[in-house]
Protein backbone atom coordinates (compact mmCIF):
# COMPACT_ATOMS: atom_id res chain seq x y z
CA MET A 1 62.65 -159.81 17.40
CA ARG A 2 59.14 -159.51 18.20
CA ARG A 3 58.51 -156.38 16.84
CA VAL A 4 59.30 -157.95 13.26
CA PHE A 5 57.39 -161.24 13.77
CA LEU A 6 54.16 -158.75 14.43
CA VAL A 7 54.90 -156.44 11.44
CA LEU A 8 54.79 -159.81 9.28
CA VAL A 9 51.43 -161.65 10.86
CA ILE A 10 50.12 -157.85 10.07
CA ALA A 11 51.11 -157.92 6.81
CA GLY A 12 49.64 -161.57 5.93
CA LEU A 13 46.93 -160.52 7.72
CA VAL A 14 46.17 -157.58 4.92
CA THR A 15 47.25 -159.64 1.86
CA GLY A 16 44.71 -162.09 3.13
CA GLY A 17 42.00 -159.65 3.67
CA MET A 18 42.89 -158.57 -0.08
CA ALA A 19 41.66 -161.93 -1.28
CA GLY A 20 38.00 -161.24 -0.93
CA PRO A 21 34.70 -162.43 1.14
CA ALA A 22 35.57 -165.76 -0.16
CA LEU A 23 37.70 -166.57 2.94
CA ALA A 24 35.81 -168.32 6.13
CA SER A 25 35.65 -166.88 9.17
CA SER A 26 38.62 -167.52 11.61
CA HIS A 27 39.89 -167.22 14.88
CA THR A 28 43.42 -168.49 15.99
CA HIS A 29 45.38 -168.29 19.31
CA HIS A 30 48.92 -168.47 19.71
CA ARG A 31 51.23 -168.28 22.84
CA PHE A 32 55.11 -168.59 22.99
CA SER A 33 56.98 -168.52 26.25
CA GLY A 34 60.86 -168.31 26.38
CA ALA A 35 63.74 -167.51 28.84
CA ALA A 36 67.30 -166.21 28.91
CA ALA A 37 70.63 -166.70 30.92
CA ALA A 38 73.76 -164.26 30.28
CA ALA A 39 76.77 -163.68 31.87
CA ALA A 40 80.26 -161.93 30.66
CA TRP A 41 83.38 -162.37 32.28
CA HIS A 42 86.21 -159.89 31.63
CA SER A 43 90.38 -160.57 32.94
CA LYS A 44 93.09 -158.19 32.52
CA VAL A 45 96.77 -159.07 32.34
CA ARG A 46 99.51 -156.43 32.96
CA LEU A 47 101.83 -156.71 29.78
CA SER A 48 103.62 -153.05 30.71
CA SER A 49 102.88 -150.03 32.63
CA THR A 50 100.94 -148.75 29.68
CA ARG A 51 99.53 -152.09 27.95
CA PHE A 52 97.59 -155.07 29.45
CA GLN A 53 95.55 -157.86 27.78
CA LEU A 54 91.93 -158.15 28.48
CA THR A 55 90.05 -161.16 27.42
CA THR A 56 86.49 -161.38 27.72
CA TRP A 57 84.33 -164.63 27.28
CA PHE A 58 80.11 -164.36 26.89
CA VAL A 59 77.72 -167.05 27.69
CA GLY A 60 73.95 -167.05 26.41
CA VAL A 61 71.43 -169.33 27.00
CA PHE A 62 68.29 -168.79 25.24
CA THR A 63 64.85 -170.98 25.10
CA SER A 64 62.14 -170.85 22.48
CA GLY A 65 59.40 -173.15 21.40
CA GLY A 66 60.79 -175.90 23.03
CA ARG A 67 63.98 -175.67 21.85
CA THR A 68 67.16 -173.97 23.78
CA PHE A 69 70.07 -172.24 21.94
CA SER A 70 73.30 -171.30 23.12
CA GLN A 71 76.66 -168.82 22.00
CA VAL A 72 79.76 -168.96 23.66
CA VAL A 73 82.15 -165.99 22.57
CA LYS A 74 86.09 -165.51 23.52
CA GLU A 75 87.11 -162.18 22.68
CA VAL A 76 90.84 -161.78 23.27
CA ASP A 77 92.23 -157.66 22.93
CA LYS A 78 95.45 -156.02 23.56
CA CYS A 79 94.85 -152.54 24.72
CA ARG A 80 96.97 -149.67 25.88
CA MET A 81 96.47 -146.48 27.51
CA VAL A 82 96.57 -143.48 25.24
CA SER A 83 96.10 -139.67 27.12
CA GLY A 84 94.04 -141.62 29.77
CA HIS A 85 91.92 -143.11 26.96
CA GLN A 86 91.90 -146.67 26.39
CA ARG A 87 92.66 -148.45 22.80
CA CYS A 88 92.43 -151.65 22.36
CA ARG A 89 92.90 -154.06 18.93
CA VAL A 90 91.42 -157.33 18.68
CA VAL A 91 93.80 -160.27 18.52
CA SER A 92 91.34 -163.01 18.26
CA PHE A 93 87.86 -163.61 18.15
CA SER A 94 86.11 -167.33 19.11
CA ALA A 95 82.57 -168.34 18.80
CA GLY A 96 80.43 -171.69 19.23
CA PHE A 97 76.79 -172.47 18.82
CA ARG A 98 74.41 -174.91 20.07
CA ASN A 99 71.30 -175.04 18.31
CA ASN A 100 69.18 -177.80 20.63
CA LEU A 101 70.38 -177.95 24.15
CA THR A 102 68.85 -180.86 26.06
CA ALA A 103 66.99 -180.52 29.60
CA ALA A 104 70.25 -182.30 31.01
CA GLN A 105 72.38 -179.50 29.78
CA PHE A 106 70.28 -176.44 30.41
CA THR A 107 68.19 -175.79 33.50
CA VAL A 108 66.49 -172.62 34.55
CA ASP A 109 64.18 -171.26 37.31
CA ARG A 110 61.61 -169.68 35.08
CA LYS A 111 58.70 -168.84 37.98
CA HIS A 112 61.06 -167.00 40.26
CA LEU A 113 64.46 -166.18 37.69
CA GLN A 114 66.61 -167.77 41.20
CA SER A 115 68.80 -169.66 39.43
CA ALA A 116 69.80 -171.78 35.92
CA HIS A 117 72.86 -174.03 35.24
CA LEU A 118 74.66 -175.02 32.05
CA ASP A 119 77.00 -177.66 31.64
CA ALA A 120 77.67 -178.41 27.80
CA SER A 121 80.19 -178.38 25.04
CA TYR A 122 80.95 -176.24 22.31
CA LYS A 123 83.28 -176.50 19.17
CA LEU A 124 84.60 -172.88 18.63
CA ARG A 125 85.84 -171.46 15.40
CA THR A 126 88.97 -168.91 16.13
CA PHE A 127 89.39 -165.91 13.80
CA THR A 128 92.77 -164.21 14.03
CA PRO A 129 94.43 -161.47 11.84
CA HIS A 130 96.12 -163.01 8.92
CA LYS A 131 96.04 -166.68 10.07
CA PRO A 132 93.74 -169.70 8.85
CA VAL A 133 91.07 -170.00 11.37
CA ARG A 134 91.29 -172.38 14.09
CA THR A 135 88.91 -175.25 15.63
CA SER A 136 88.93 -176.54 19.15
CA ARG A 137 86.49 -178.15 21.92
CA ALA A 138 85.08 -176.03 24.94
CA THR A 139 83.20 -177.33 27.78
CA VAL A 140 81.28 -174.60 29.34
CA VAL A 141 79.98 -174.86 33.37
CA ALA A 142 78.14 -171.98 34.63
CA ASP A 143 75.71 -171.34 37.50
CA TRP A 144 73.44 -168.14 37.80
CA ALA A 145 72.18 -166.88 40.81
CA GLY A 146 69.39 -164.11 40.55
CA THR A 147 69.74 -160.95 42.94
CA GLY A 148 67.44 -158.42 43.83
CA LYS A 149 63.88 -157.20 42.74
CA ILE A 150 62.68 -158.87 39.23
CA SER A 151 61.79 -155.91 36.71
CA ARG A 152 58.54 -156.64 34.92
CA SER A 153 57.59 -155.20 31.28
CA MET A 154 54.56 -155.07 29.27
CA ASP A 155 53.46 -154.10 25.86
CA VAL A 156 49.95 -154.38 23.95
CA SER A 157 49.69 -153.96 20.26
CA SER A 158 46.19 -154.55 17.96
CA PHE A 159 45.37 -153.88 14.80
CA HIS A 160 42.25 -153.63 12.97
CA SER A 161 40.94 -153.26 9.49
CA GLY A 162 37.66 -154.81 8.76
CA CYS A 163 36.64 -157.97 9.14
CA LEU A 164 40.72 -158.53 10.73
CA HIS A 165 41.61 -158.09 13.90
CA PHE A 166 44.96 -158.58 15.64
CA HIS A 167 45.74 -158.37 19.20
CA ASP A 168 49.24 -159.57 20.98
CA ALA A 169 50.28 -159.09 24.52
CA PHE A 170 53.81 -159.56 25.79
CA HIS A 171 55.18 -159.88 29.28
CA GLY A 172 58.60 -159.92 29.99
CA ARG A 173 60.53 -160.31 33.46
CA THR A 174 64.32 -159.63 34.25
CA ARG A 175 66.79 -160.05 37.26
CA LYS A 176 70.31 -159.13 37.72
CA ALA A 177 72.19 -162.33 38.91
CA THR A 178 75.80 -163.02 39.87
CA ALA A 179 77.48 -166.12 37.55
CA ALA A 180 80.32 -168.21 38.25
CA GLY A 181 81.76 -170.46 35.23
CA SER A 182 84.59 -172.11 33.79
CA VAL A 183 86.08 -173.15 30.77
CA ASN A 184 87.23 -176.73 29.98
CA GLU A 185 87.74 -176.75 34.03
CA LYS A 186 89.47 -173.53 34.21
CA SER A 187 87.57 -171.02 36.37
CA LEU A 188 86.77 -167.80 35.30
CA GLY A 189 85.54 -166.72 38.38
CA SER A 190 82.39 -165.06 39.51
CA THR A 191 81.02 -161.56 37.81
CA THR A 192 77.86 -159.55 38.04
CA HIS A 193 77.54 -159.17 34.18
CA ALA A 194 74.91 -161.37 34.24
CA PHE A 195 70.81 -161.61 34.06
CA LEU A 196 68.11 -164.21 33.91
CA SER A 197 64.65 -163.53 31.97
CA ALA A 198 61.55 -165.05 30.97
CA SER A 199 58.71 -164.02 28.93
CA THR A 200 55.24 -164.97 27.12
CA ASP A 201 53.71 -164.04 24.04
CA VAL A 202 49.75 -164.11 23.22
CA SER A 203 48.73 -163.22 19.88
CA VAL A 204 44.64 -163.82 18.99
CA GLN A 205 43.86 -163.35 15.23
CA HIS A 206 40.11 -163.00 14.27
CA ARG A 207 38.48 -163.15 10.86
CA CYS A 208 35.00 -162.49 10.70
């Protein structure tokens, strides 16, 4: 996503540069910051010696530009073991989205990535093969706890052409986490398939 943004900005700069020398000198500075918390829970119910039902819940929350977005997904698969290999087919798929969670619904420790908390309701749409789409409400509560060391990443990009100059610096931090969650007060248990992250992206555009 950040790379796409970078390409679009560069394209805009080049197009602007072709407009001629009438454009005045300018200097702009943009800073973007974001954070994320995500977790997946898997549960298995044995149906026979070779068959089982696998249920996966995924919860992701992402903050950017002062807004908080979230997605909840549930997938139910029926699986069987064939010659030592797992073969599955989708029984149902449910998804719900929120595009503006409040500070009371989601909090995250951006500085140390030690914790995050989610308590929000979602309208789920459930898709089942050969059946009409169903809707339902799901209240999801989840708590993340950061574990281990914070890993860091950095990327610097620059573009220069004549009087046009663009510079972008990205800094990201990610930390593994454990997460405990529930849906409609029914516990999902604890999972280690979780992480917390935070990032900043600073871009500078200059035209001489």
